[in-house]
Amino acid sequence: MDELKTLETLGFTLPSPAYIFGAFVFGIIGFAAYRYGKKASLQTTKWIGVALMLYPYAISGTWLLYIVGTGLCIGLYISSRL
């Protein structure tokens, strides 16, 4: 328990359950988009899928995770309709 308090004083905190859930959901959507884009030779779909899988590692705020993920999913939807 002392290690956790030491890490908190250094600025490291554990993510909230909402963040973990969002990262998991957007990661699964990204993996599915990547596989579909690779199979169908759709470069835009494949790279949006990669972005959906990797962006949670660069974002620390839960609200920002959901905004960026929703934006990427909308981009995925639009790119599939073109």
N, C-alpha and C. Protein backbone atom coordinates (compact mmCIF):
# COMPACT_ATOMS: atom_id res chain seq x y z
N MET A 1 0.82 -1.19 0.00
CA MET A 1 0.00 0.00 0.00
C MET A 1 0.87 1.26 0.00
N ASP A 2 2.02 1.18 0.60
CA ASP A 2 2.91 2.33 0.61
C ASP A 2 3.41 2.67 -0.80
N GLU A 3 3.58 1.63 -1.63
CA GLU A 3 4.04 1.87 -2.99
C GLU A 3 3.00 2.67 -3.79
N LEU A 4 1.73 2.37 -3.56
CA LEU A 4 0.66 3.08 -4.25
C LEU A 4 0.64 4.54 -3.84
N LYS A 5 0.81 4.82 -2.58
CA LYS A 5 0.85 6.21 -2.11
C LYS A 5 2.07 6.94 -2.66
N THR A 6 3.19 6.23 -2.75
CA THR A 6 4.40 6.83 -3.32
C THR A 6 4.19 7.19 -4.78
N LEU A 7 3.56 6.29 -5.52
CA LEU A 7 3.29 6.56 -6.93
C LEU A 7 2.30 7.71 -7.09
N GLU A 8 1.31 7.80 -6.21
CA GLU A 8 0.35 8.90 -6.28
C GLU A 8 1.03 10.24 -6.01
N THR A 9 2.00 10.27 -5.11
CA THR A 9 2.71 11.53 -4.85
C THR A 9 3.57 11.92 -6.05
N LEU A 10 3.98 10.95 -6.86
CA LEU A 10 4.76 11.24 -8.07
C LEU A 10 3.87 11.62 -9.25
N GLY A 11 2.54 11.53 -9.08
CA GLY A 11 1.62 11.92 -10.14
C GLY A 11 1.01 10.77 -10.91
N PHE A 12 1.32 9.54 -10.53
CA PHE A 12 0.75 8.38 -11.21
C PHE A 12 -0.53 7.96 -10.50
N THR A 13 -1.59 7.81 -11.30
CA THR A 13 -2.87 7.36 -10.74
C THR A 13 -3.42 6.23 -11.60
N LEU A 14 -4.24 5.41 -11.00
CA LEU A 14 -4.88 4.33 -11.74
C LEU A 14 -6.06 4.89 -12.54
N PRO A 15 -6.31 4.34 -13.73
CA PRO A 15 -7.45 4.83 -14.51
C PRO A 15 -8.77 4.39 -13.88
N SER A 16 -9.80 5.18 -14.16
CA SER A 16 -11.13 4.87 -13.64
C SER A 16 -11.73 3.69 -14.41
N PRO A 17 -12.72 3.03 -13.84
CA PRO A 17 -13.40 1.95 -14.56
C PRO A 17 -14.03 2.41 -15.88
N ALA A 18 -14.52 3.65 -15.91
CA ALA A 18 -15.11 4.18 -17.14
C ALA A 18 -14.04 4.30 -18.23
N TYR A 19 -12.84 4.70 -17.86
CA TYR A 19 -11.73 4.81 -18.82
C TYR A 19 -11.35 3.44 -19.35
N ILE A 20 -11.23 2.47 -18.45
CA ILE A 20 -10.86 1.11 -18.87
C ILE A 20 -11.91 0.53 -19.80
N PHE A 21 -13.18 0.73 -19.47
CA PHE A 21 -14.27 0.24 -20.32
C PHE A 21 -14.21 0.89 -21.70
N GLY A 22 -14.03 2.20 -21.74
CA GLY A 22 -13.96 2.90 -23.03
C GLY A 22 -12.78 2.46 -23.86
N ALA A 23 -11.62 2.30 -23.23
CA ALA A 23 -10.44 1.84 -23.96
C ALA A 23 -10.66 0.44 -24.52
N PHE A 24 -11.32 -0.41 -23.75
CA PHE A 24 -11.61 -1.77 -24.20
C PHE A 24 -12.58 -1.76 -25.38
N VAL A 25 -13.65 -1.00 -25.28
CA VAL A 25 -14.66 -0.96 -26.34
C VAL A 25 -14.07 -0.39 -27.62
N PHE A 26 -13.37 0.74 -27.53
CA PHE A 26 -12.80 1.34 -28.73
C PHE A 26 -11.67 0.48 -29.30
N GLY A 27 -10.96 -0.24 -28.45
CA GLY A 27 -9.94 -1.16 -28.94
C GLY A 27 -10.53 -2.31 -29.73
N ILE A 28 -11.65 -2.85 -29.25
CA ILE A 28 -12.33 -3.94 -29.97
C ILE A 28 -12.88 -3.43 -31.31
N ILE A 29 -13.47 -2.25 -31.31
CA ILE A 29 -13.96 -1.67 -32.56
C ILE A 29 -12.80 -1.44 -33.52
N GLY A 30 -11.69 -0.94 -33.00
CA GLY A 30 -10.51 -0.72 -33.83
C GLY A 30 -9.95 -2.00 -34.41
N PHE A 31 -9.91 -3.05 -33.60
CA PHE A 31 -9.41 -4.33 -34.09
C PHE A 31 -10.30 -4.87 -35.20
N ALA A 32 -11.62 -4.77 -35.02
CA ALA A 32 -12.54 -5.24 -36.06
C ALA A 32 -12.38 -4.41 -37.33
N ALA A 33 -12.22 -3.10 -37.20
CA ALA A 33 -12.05 -2.24 -38.37
C ALA A 33 -10.73 -2.55 -39.08
N TYR A 34 -9.69 -2.78 -38.31
CA TYR A 34 -8.40 -3.13 -38.90
C TYR A 34 -8.49 -4.42 -39.69
N ARG A 35 -9.09 -5.45 -39.10
CA ARG A 35 -9.22 -6.74 -39.78
C ARG A 35 -10.06 -6.61 -41.06
N TYR A 36 -11.16 -5.86 -40.96
CA TYR A 36 -12.02 -5.68 -42.13
C TYR A 36 -11.29 -4.88 -43.21
N GLY A 37 -10.61 -3.81 -42.82
CA GLY A 37 -9.88 -3.00 -43.79
C GLY A 37 -8.76 -3.76 -44.46
N LYS A 38 -8.10 -4.61 -43.71
CA LYS A 38 -7.02 -5.42 -44.28
C LYS A 38 -7.57 -6.45 -45.26
N LYS A 39 -8.67 -7.10 -44.89
CA LYS A 39 -9.26 -8.14 -45.73
C LYS A 39 -9.84 -7.55 -47.02
N ALA A 40 -10.47 -6.37 -46.90
CA ALA A 40 -11.11 -5.74 -48.05
C ALA A 40 -10.19 -4.77 -48.78
N SER A 41 -8.94 -4.66 -48.37
CA SER A 41 -7.95 -3.75 -48.96
C SER A 41 -8.43 -2.30 -48.93
N LEU A 42 -8.99 -1.88 -47.80
CA LEU A 42 -9.43 -0.50 -47.60
C LEU A 42 -8.44 0.17 -46.64
N GLN A 43 -7.56 0.99 -47.20
CA GLN A 43 -6.49 1.59 -46.41
C GLN A 43 -7.02 2.54 -45.33
N THR A 44 -8.02 3.35 -45.65
CA THR A 44 -8.56 4.29 -44.67
C THR A 44 -9.17 3.57 -43.48
N THR A 45 -9.94 2.55 -43.75
CA THR A 45 -10.57 1.77 -42.69
C THR A 45 -9.51 1.10 -41.82
N LYS A 46 -8.49 0.56 -42.45
CA LYS A 46 -7.43 -0.12 -41.72
C LYS A 46 -6.70 0.85 -40.79
N TRP A 47 -6.37 2.05 -41.26
CA TRP A 47 -5.61 2.99 -40.44
C TRP A 47 -6.47 3.65 -39.37
N ILE A 48 -7.75 3.83 -39.62
CA ILE A 48 -8.62 4.31 -38.55
C ILE A 48 -8.73 3.24 -37.46
N GLY A 49 -8.75 1.98 -37.86
CA GLY A 49 -8.75 0.89 -36.90
C GLY A 49 -7.49 0.89 -36.05
N VAL A 50 -6.34 1.14 -36.66
CA VAL A 50 -5.09 1.22 -35.90
C VAL A 50 -5.14 2.40 -34.93
N ALA A 51 -5.66 3.52 -35.39
CA ALA A 51 -5.77 4.69 -34.51
C ALA A 51 -6.69 4.41 -33.33
N LEU A 52 -7.80 3.72 -33.57
CA LEU A 52 -8.72 3.38 -32.48
C LEU A 52 -8.07 2.44 -31.46
N MET A 53 -7.20 1.58 -31.91
CA MET A 53 -6.54 0.67 -30.98
C MET A 53 -5.45 1.36 -30.17
N LEU A 54 -4.79 2.36 -30.74
CA LEU A 54 -3.61 2.93 -30.10
C LEU A 54 -3.82 4.25 -29.36
N TYR A 55 -4.84 5.03 -29.72
CA TYR A 55 -4.97 6.35 -29.12
C TYR A 55 -5.21 6.35 -27.61
N PRO A 56 -5.82 5.33 -27.00
CA PRO A 56 -5.98 5.38 -25.53
C PRO A 56 -4.66 5.45 -24.77
N TYR A 57 -3.57 5.01 -25.39
CA TYR A 57 -2.27 5.09 -24.73
C TYR A 57 -1.75 6.52 -24.65
N ALA A 58 -2.26 7.41 -25.48
CA ALA A 58 -1.79 8.79 -25.52
C ALA A 58 -2.72 9.76 -24.81
N ILE A 59 -3.90 9.32 -24.42
CA ILE A 59 -4.89 10.20 -23.80
C ILE A 59 -5.14 9.75 -22.37
N SER A 60 -5.13 10.71 -21.44
CA SER A 60 -5.32 10.33 -20.05
C SER A 60 -6.69 10.70 -19.48
N GLY A 61 -7.39 11.62 -20.10
CA GLY A 61 -8.70 12.03 -19.60
C GLY A 61 -9.82 11.16 -20.12
N THR A 62 -10.73 10.77 -19.24
CA THR A 62 -11.83 9.89 -19.65
C THR A 62 -12.74 10.59 -20.65
N TRP A 63 -13.08 11.85 -20.39
CA TRP A 63 -13.97 12.56 -21.30
C TRP A 63 -13.32 12.71 -22.68
N LEU A 64 -12.02 12.94 -22.71
CA LEU A 64 -11.32 13.09 -23.98
C LEU A 64 -11.24 11.75 -24.71
N LEU A 65 -11.10 10.66 -23.97
CA LEU A 65 -11.09 9.32 -24.55
C LEU A 65 -12.38 9.07 -25.33
N TYR A 66 -13.52 9.41 -24.72
CA TYR A 66 -14.81 9.18 -25.36
C TYR A 66 -15.04 10.14 -26.54
N ILE A 67 -14.58 11.36 -26.45
CA ILE A 67 -14.76 12.31 -27.55
C ILE A 67 -13.94 11.90 -28.76
N VAL A 68 -12.67 11.58 -28.56
CA VAL A 68 -11.81 11.17 -29.67
C VAL A 68 -12.28 9.84 -30.24
N GLY A 69 -12.65 8.90 -29.39
CA GLY A 69 -13.13 7.60 -29.86
C GLY A 69 -14.40 7.73 -30.67
N THR A 70 -15.32 8.57 -30.21
CA THR A 70 -16.56 8.80 -30.96
C THR A 70 -16.25 9.45 -32.31
N GLY A 71 -15.34 10.41 -32.31
CA GLY A 71 -14.94 11.05 -33.56
C GLY A 71 -14.32 10.07 -34.55
N LEU A 72 -13.45 9.20 -34.06
CA LEU A 72 -12.85 8.20 -34.94
C LEU A 72 -13.89 7.21 -35.45
N CYS A 73 -14.84 6.84 -34.60
CA CYS A 73 -15.91 5.93 -35.04
C CYS A 73 -16.80 6.59 -36.10
N ILE A 74 -17.06 7.88 -35.94
CA ILE A 74 -17.83 8.60 -36.97
C ILE A 74 -17.04 8.65 -38.27
N GLY A 75 -15.73 8.90 -38.17
CA GLY A 75 -14.88 8.87 -39.36
C GLY A 75 -14.87 7.52 -40.02
N LEU A 76 -14.88 6.47 -39.22
CA LEU A 76 -14.93 5.10 -39.74
C LEU A 76 -16.23 4.86 -40.48
N TYR A 77 -17.34 5.33 -39.91
CA TYR A 77 -18.65 5.18 -40.52
C TYR A 77 -18.72 5.94 -41.84
N ILE A 78 -18.22 7.16 -41.85
CA ILE A 78 -18.25 7.98 -43.06
C ILE A 78 -17.37 7.37 -44.15
N SER A 79 -16.18 6.89 -43.76
CA SER A 79 -15.29 6.31 -44.76
C SER A 79 -15.86 5.02 -45.35
N SER A 80 -16.66 4.31 -44.59
CA SER A 80 -17.25 3.08 -45.11
C SER A 80 -18.40 3.37 -46.06
N ARG A 81 -18.99 4.54 -45.95
CA ARG A 81 -20.12 4.91 -46.81
C ARG A 81 -19.68 5.54 -48.12
N LEU A 82 -18.42 5.90 -48.25
CA LEU A 82 -17.96 6.54 -49.49
C LEU A 82 -17.56 5.56 -50.53
